[in-house]
Amino acid sequence: YFIAALSVTGFYSIITTLASLSIVLNPTYSKTFLLFFAFFDVVFVGIVASATGAAGAVGYIGLKGNTHVGWTKICNVYDKFCRYTASSLALSLFAAILLVLLSMISTFTLYKKIRD
């Protein structure tokens, strides 16, 4: 889920970048596109946040184990894998924060265009 969610979000970011460049060149439908971007930005923030949370929960179980169901720690055996997983979770959290900031900027830009 983690890889699929981040891949889809990355693809959406590429599409958004190309559409934004199109709007800069031809601003006739800019309010409609900004509304579309604002809506889908929030959707993809939720997708990235949920994927990061799910991967973090699985990583935590790998780090600490779960004695109630008999799962043991695996990070003491697969140390390199756990470091890579932790790095990818940190980068994903950073990406989620950036998406929140971009979503706020998109919404504020839409607000300014509607107000004028």
N, C-alpha and C. Protein backbone atom coordinates (compact mmCIF):
# COMPACT_ATOMS: atom_id res chain seq x y z
N TYR A 1 0.83 -1.19 0.00
CA TYR A 1 0.00 0.00 0.00
C TYR A 1 0.87 1.25 0.00
N PHE A 2 1.93 1.21 0.77
CA PHE A 2 2.82 2.36 0.90
C PHE A 2 3.41 2.75 -0.46
N ILE A 3 3.97 1.79 -1.16
CA ILE A 3 4.60 2.07 -2.45
C ILE A 3 3.56 2.50 -3.49
N ALA A 4 2.43 1.83 -3.50
CA ALA A 4 1.38 2.18 -4.46
C ALA A 4 0.85 3.59 -4.21
N ALA A 5 0.60 3.93 -2.95
CA ALA A 5 0.07 5.25 -2.63
C ALA A 5 1.05 6.36 -2.99
N LEU A 6 2.32 6.15 -2.69
CA LEU A 6 3.31 7.18 -3.01
C LEU A 6 3.55 7.26 -4.52
N SER A 7 3.45 6.15 -5.22
CA SER A 7 3.60 6.18 -6.68
C SER A 7 2.46 6.94 -7.35
N VAL A 8 1.24 6.68 -6.91
CA VAL A 8 0.08 7.38 -7.47
C VAL A 8 0.17 8.87 -7.15
N THR A 9 0.59 9.20 -5.95
CA THR A 9 0.73 10.61 -5.57
C THR A 9 1.82 11.29 -6.38
N GLY A 10 2.92 10.60 -6.62
CA GLY A 10 3.98 11.16 -7.46
C GLY A 10 3.51 11.40 -8.88
N PHE A 11 2.74 10.46 -9.42
CA PHE A 11 2.17 10.62 -10.76
C PHE A 11 1.21 11.81 -10.80
N TYR A 12 0.40 11.96 -9.76
CA TYR A 12 -0.51 13.11 -9.67
C TYR A 12 0.29 14.41 -9.62
N SER A 13 1.41 14.42 -8.92
CA SER A 13 2.23 15.62 -8.84
C SER A 13 2.79 16.01 -10.20
N ILE A 14 3.18 15.02 -10.99
CA ILE A 14 3.66 15.31 -12.35
C ILE A 14 2.54 15.89 -13.20
N ILE A 15 1.36 15.30 -13.12
CA ILE A 15 0.21 15.81 -13.87
C ILE A 15 -0.13 17.23 -13.42
N THR A 16 -0.10 17.48 -12.12
CA THR A 16 -0.39 18.81 -11.59
C THR A 16 0.63 19.83 -12.08
N THR A 17 1.89 19.45 -12.13
CA THR A 17 2.92 20.36 -12.61
C THR A 17 2.69 20.72 -14.07
N LEU A 18 2.40 19.73 -14.89
CA LEU A 18 2.14 20.00 -16.31
C LEU A 18 0.88 20.85 -16.49
N ALA A 19 -0.16 20.57 -15.72
CA ALA A 19 -1.39 21.36 -15.82
C ALA A 19 -1.16 22.79 -15.33
N SER A 20 -0.34 22.95 -14.31
CA SER A 20 -0.04 24.30 -13.81
C SER A 20 0.71 25.11 -14.86
N LEU A 21 1.64 24.47 -15.55
CA LEU A 21 2.34 25.16 -16.63
C LEU A 21 1.37 25.53 -17.75
N SER A 22 0.41 24.68 -18.02
CA SER A 22 -0.61 24.98 -19.02
C SER A 22 -1.46 26.17 -18.61
N ILE A 23 -1.77 26.26 -17.33
CA ILE A 23 -2.58 27.38 -16.83
C ILE A 23 -1.81 28.68 -16.92
N VAL A 24 -0.51 28.63 -16.67
CA VAL A 24 0.30 29.84 -16.78
C VAL A 24 0.28 30.36 -18.21
N LEU A 25 0.31 29.45 -19.18
CA LEU A 25 0.30 29.87 -20.58
C LEU A 25 -1.08 30.28 -21.07
N ASN A 26 -2.13 29.68 -20.53
CA ASN A 26 -3.50 29.97 -20.96
C ASN A 26 -4.41 30.04 -19.72
N PRO A 27 -4.52 31.21 -19.09
CA PRO A 27 -5.23 31.30 -17.81
C PRO A 27 -6.76 31.43 -17.90
N THR A 28 -7.39 31.00 -18.97
CA THR A 28 -8.83 31.19 -19.10
C THR A 28 -9.63 30.34 -18.12
N TYR A 29 -9.18 29.14 -17.82
CA TYR A 29 -9.92 28.25 -16.91
C TYR A 29 -9.22 28.10 -15.57
N SER A 30 -8.52 29.12 -15.14
CA SER A 30 -7.68 28.98 -13.96
C SER A 30 -8.48 28.72 -12.68
N LYS A 31 -9.66 29.34 -12.52
CA LYS A 31 -10.45 29.10 -11.31
C LYS A 31 -10.94 27.66 -11.23
N THR A 32 -11.36 27.13 -12.35
CA THR A 32 -11.82 25.74 -12.38
C THR A 32 -10.69 24.78 -12.05
N PHE A 33 -9.53 25.02 -12.66
CA PHE A 33 -8.39 24.15 -12.38
C PHE A 33 -7.92 24.29 -10.94
N LEU A 34 -7.93 25.50 -10.41
CA LEU A 34 -7.52 25.68 -9.02
C LEU A 34 -8.45 24.96 -8.06
N LEU A 35 -9.74 24.98 -8.35
CA LEU A 35 -10.68 24.23 -7.52
C LEU A 35 -10.41 22.73 -7.62
N PHE A 36 -10.16 22.25 -8.82
CA PHE A 36 -9.82 20.85 -9.03
C PHE A 36 -8.54 20.48 -8.26
N PHE A 37 -7.52 21.33 -8.37
CA PHE A 37 -6.26 21.07 -7.67
C PHE A 37 -6.46 21.08 -6.16
N ALA A 38 -7.21 22.04 -5.66
CA ALA A 38 -7.43 22.12 -4.21
C ALA A 38 -8.14 20.88 -3.69
N PHE A 39 -9.14 20.41 -4.41
CA PHE A 39 -9.86 19.21 -3.99
C PHE A 39 -8.96 17.98 -3.99
N PHE A 40 -8.28 17.75 -5.10
CA PHE A 40 -7.45 16.55 -5.19
C PHE A 40 -6.18 16.64 -4.35
N ASP A 41 -5.68 17.84 -4.09
CA ASP A 41 -4.55 17.97 -3.17
C ASP A 41 -4.90 17.44 -1.79
N VAL A 42 -6.09 17.77 -1.33
CA VAL A 42 -6.53 17.28 -0.02
C VAL A 42 -6.70 15.76 -0.04
N VAL A 43 -7.24 15.24 -1.13
CA VAL A 43 -7.39 13.78 -1.25
C VAL A 43 -6.03 13.09 -1.18
N PHE A 44 -5.06 13.62 -1.90
CA PHE A 44 -3.75 12.98 -1.92
C PHE A 44 -2.97 13.20 -0.63
N VAL A 45 -3.22 14.28 0.08
CA VAL A 45 -2.63 14.43 1.42
C VAL A 45 -3.14 13.31 2.31
N GLY A 46 -4.43 13.03 2.23
CA GLY A 46 -4.99 11.94 3.03
C GLY A 46 -4.42 10.59 2.65
N ILE A 47 -4.22 10.36 1.36
CA ILE A 47 -3.65 9.09 0.90
C ILE A 47 -2.22 8.93 1.41
N VAL A 48 -1.40 9.97 1.26
CA VAL A 48 -0.01 9.87 1.72
C VAL A 48 0.05 9.73 3.24
N ALA A 49 -0.78 10.47 3.95
CA ALA A 49 -0.78 10.37 5.41
C ALA A 49 -1.21 8.98 5.88
N SER A 50 -2.23 8.42 5.24
CA SER A 50 -2.68 7.08 5.66
C SER A 50 -1.64 6.02 5.32
N ALA A 51 -0.99 6.14 4.17
CA ALA A 51 0.05 5.18 3.81
C ALA A 51 1.25 5.28 4.75
N THR A 52 1.61 6.50 5.12
CA THR A 52 2.72 6.68 6.06
C THR A 52 2.37 6.12 7.42
N GLY A 53 1.15 6.35 7.86
CA GLY A 53 0.73 5.80 9.15
C GLY A 53 0.68 4.28 9.15
N ALA A 54 0.18 3.70 8.07
CA ALA A 54 0.12 2.24 7.99
C ALA A 54 1.51 1.63 7.94
N ALA A 55 2.39 2.21 7.16
CA ALA A 55 3.76 1.70 7.09
C ALA A 55 4.49 1.91 8.41
N GLY A 56 4.21 3.02 9.07
CA GLY A 56 4.82 3.26 10.39
C GLY A 56 4.36 2.26 11.42
N ALA A 57 3.09 1.89 11.37
CA ALA A 57 2.57 0.89 12.32
C ALA A 57 3.22 -0.47 12.09
N VAL A 58 3.36 -0.86 10.83
CA VAL A 58 4.01 -2.13 10.52
C VAL A 58 5.49 -2.07 10.91
N GLY A 59 6.12 -0.94 10.66
CA GLY A 59 7.52 -0.78 11.06
C GLY A 59 7.71 -0.83 12.56
N TYR A 60 6.77 -0.26 13.29
CA TYR A 60 6.86 -0.30 14.75
C TYR A 60 6.72 -1.73 15.27
N ILE A 61 5.83 -2.50 14.66
CA ILE A 61 5.69 -3.91 15.05
C ILE A 61 6.98 -4.66 14.72
N GLY A 62 7.60 -4.34 13.60
CA GLY A 62 8.88 -4.96 13.27
C GLY A 62 9.98 -4.58 14.23
N LEU A 63 9.91 -3.37 14.74
CA LEU A 63 10.94 -2.89 15.68
C LEU A 63 10.73 -3.45 17.07
N LYS A 64 9.51 -3.42 17.57
CA LYS A 64 9.23 -3.81 18.95
C LYS A 64 8.62 -5.20 19.08
N GLY A 65 7.99 -5.69 18.02
CA GLY A 65 7.28 -6.96 18.11
C GLY A 65 5.92 -6.77 18.76
N ASN A 66 5.17 -7.86 18.88
CA ASN A 66 3.87 -7.83 19.54
C ASN A 66 3.71 -9.14 20.30
N THR A 67 3.89 -9.06 21.60
CA THR A 67 3.87 -10.28 22.42
C THR A 67 2.48 -10.87 22.53
N HIS A 68 1.45 -10.08 22.36
CA HIS A 68 0.08 -10.59 22.48
C HIS A 68 -0.28 -11.61 21.41
N VAL A 69 0.27 -11.43 20.22
CA VAL A 69 -0.02 -12.37 19.13
C VAL A 69 1.19 -13.24 18.79
N GLY A 70 2.26 -13.08 19.51
CA GLY A 70 3.44 -13.92 19.31
C GLY A 70 4.39 -13.47 18.22
N TRP A 71 4.31 -12.20 17.79
CA TRP A 71 5.23 -11.70 16.78
C TRP A 71 6.48 -11.18 17.48
N THR A 72 7.63 -11.64 17.04
CA THR A 72 8.88 -11.20 17.66
C THR A 72 9.45 -10.03 16.87
N LYS A 73 10.43 -9.39 17.47
CA LYS A 73 11.12 -8.29 16.80
C LYS A 73 11.89 -8.85 15.60
N ILE A 74 11.93 -8.08 14.53
CA ILE A 74 12.72 -8.52 13.37
C ILE A 74 13.84 -7.54 13.04
N CYS A 75 13.82 -6.36 13.63
CA CYS A 75 14.83 -5.37 13.28
C CYS A 75 16.21 -5.74 13.83
N ASN A 76 16.27 -6.59 14.85
CA ASN A 76 17.58 -7.03 15.30
C ASN A 76 18.19 -8.05 14.34
N VAL A 77 17.37 -8.67 13.50
CA VAL A 77 17.85 -9.63 12.50
C VAL A 77 18.07 -8.93 11.16
N TYR A 78 17.11 -8.10 10.75
CA TYR A 78 17.16 -7.41 9.46
C TYR A 78 17.42 -5.92 9.68
N ASP A 79 18.60 -5.63 10.20
CA ASP A 79 18.93 -4.26 10.59
C ASP A 79 18.94 -3.30 9.39
N LYS A 80 19.55 -3.70 8.30
CA LYS A 80 19.65 -2.83 7.13
C LYS A 80 18.27 -2.53 6.55
N PHE A 81 17.42 -3.54 6.46
CA PHE A 81 16.06 -3.36 5.96
C PHE A 81 15.29 -2.37 6.84
N CYS A 82 15.43 -2.48 8.15
CA CYS A 82 14.72 -1.59 9.06
C CYS A 82 15.22 -0.15 8.94
N ARG A 83 16.52 0.01 8.70
CA ARG A 83 17.04 1.38 8.50
C ARG A 83 16.47 1.98 7.22
N TYR A 84 16.41 1.19 6.16
CA TYR A 84 15.82 1.68 4.90
C TYR A 84 14.35 2.02 5.07
N THR A 85 13.65 1.19 5.81
CA THR A 85 12.24 1.44 6.06
C THR A 85 12.05 2.72 6.85
N ALA A 86 12.87 2.92 7.87
CA ALA A 86 12.78 4.14 8.67
C ALA A 86 13.09 5.37 7.83
N SER A 87 14.08 5.27 6.95
CA SER A 87 14.40 6.40 6.07
C SER A 87 13.25 6.71 5.12
N SER A 88 12.63 5.68 4.57
CA SER A 88 11.51 5.93 3.65
C SER A 88 10.32 6.51 4.39
N LEU A 89 10.11 6.10 5.64
CA LEU A 89 9.02 6.68 6.43
C LEU A 89 9.29 8.15 6.74
N ALA A 90 10.53 8.48 7.05
CA ALA A 90 10.88 9.88 7.33
C ALA A 90 10.67 10.74 6.09
N LEU A 91 11.11 10.25 4.94
CA LEU A 91 10.91 11.00 3.70
C LEU A 91 9.43 11.13 3.34
N SER A 92 8.67 10.09 3.62
CA SER A 92 7.23 10.14 3.35
C SER A 92 6.54 11.14 4.27
N LEU A 93 6.96 11.20 5.51
CA LEU A 93 6.39 12.18 6.43
C LEU A 93 6.73 13.60 5.97
N PHE A 94 7.96 13.80 5.51
CA PHE A 94 8.35 15.09 4.97
C PHE A 94 7.51 15.45 3.74
N ALA A 95 7.27 14.46 2.87
CA ALA A 95 6.43 14.69 1.69
C ALA A 95 5.00 15.03 2.08
N ALA A 96 4.49 14.39 3.11
CA ALA A 96 3.13 14.69 3.57
C ALA A 96 3.03 16.12 4.09
N ILE A 97 4.05 16.56 4.80
CA ILE A 97 4.07 17.94 5.30
C ILE A 97 4.13 18.92 4.14
N LEU A 98 4.96 18.62 3.13
CA LEU A 98 5.02 19.48 1.95
C LEU A 98 3.69 19.52 1.21
N LEU A 99 3.02 18.38 1.12
CA LEU A 99 1.71 18.36 0.46
C LEU A 99 0.68 19.18 1.22
N VAL A 100 0.75 19.17 2.54
CA VAL A 100 -0.16 20.01 3.33
C VAL A 100 0.10 21.48 3.03
N LEU A 101 1.38 21.86 2.99
CA LEU A 101 1.72 23.26 2.69
C LEU A 101 1.28 23.65 1.28
N LEU A 102 1.51 22.77 0.31
CA LEU A 102 1.07 23.06 -1.06
C LEU A 102 -0.44 23.14 -1.17
N SER A 103 -1.12 22.31 -0.41
CA SER A 103 -2.59 22.36 -0.40
C SER A 103 -3.08 23.68 0.18
N MET A 104 -2.42 24.14 1.23
CA MET A 104 -2.79 25.43 1.81
C MET A 104 -2.55 26.57 0.83
N ILE A 105 -1.44 26.53 0.12
CA ILE A 105 -1.14 27.56 -0.88
C ILE A 105 -2.17 27.52 -2.01
N SER A 106 -2.52 26.33 -2.46
CA SER A 106 -3.51 26.18 -3.52
C SER A 106 -4.86 26.73 -3.10
N THR A 107 -5.27 26.42 -1.89
CA THR A 107 -6.55 26.91 -1.39
C THR A 107 -6.54 28.42 -1.22
N PHE A 108 -5.44 28.96 -0.73
CA PHE A 108 -5.34 30.41 -0.56
C PHE A 108 -5.35 31.12 -1.92
N THR A 109 -4.69 30.55 -2.90
CA THR A 109 -4.69 31.14 -4.24
C THR A 109 -6.10 31.13 -4.83
N LEU A 110 -6.80 30.03 -4.64
CA LEU A 110 -8.19 29.96 -5.10
C LEU A 110 -9.06 30.99 -4.40
N TYR A 111 -8.86 31.16 -3.11
CA TYR A 111 -9.61 32.16 -2.35
C TYR A 111 -9.35 33.57 -2.90
N LYS A 112 -8.09 33.88 -3.18
CA LYS A 112 -7.76 35.21 -3.71
C LYS A 112 -8.39 35.43 -5.09
N LYS A 113 -8.41 34.39 -5.93
CA LYS A 113 -9.01 34.54 -7.27
C LYS A 113 -10.52 34.72 -7.20
N ILE A 114 -11.16 34.00 -6.29
CA ILE A 114 -12.62 34.11 -6.16
C ILE A 114 -12.99 35.46 -5.56
N ARG A 115 -12.20 35.93 -4.62
CA ARG A 115 -12.48 37.20 -3.95
C ARG A 115 -12.37 38.37 -4.91
N ASP A 116 -11.46 38.30 -5.87
CA ASP A 116 -11.25 39.43 -6.81
C ASP A 116 -12.30 39.50 -7.88
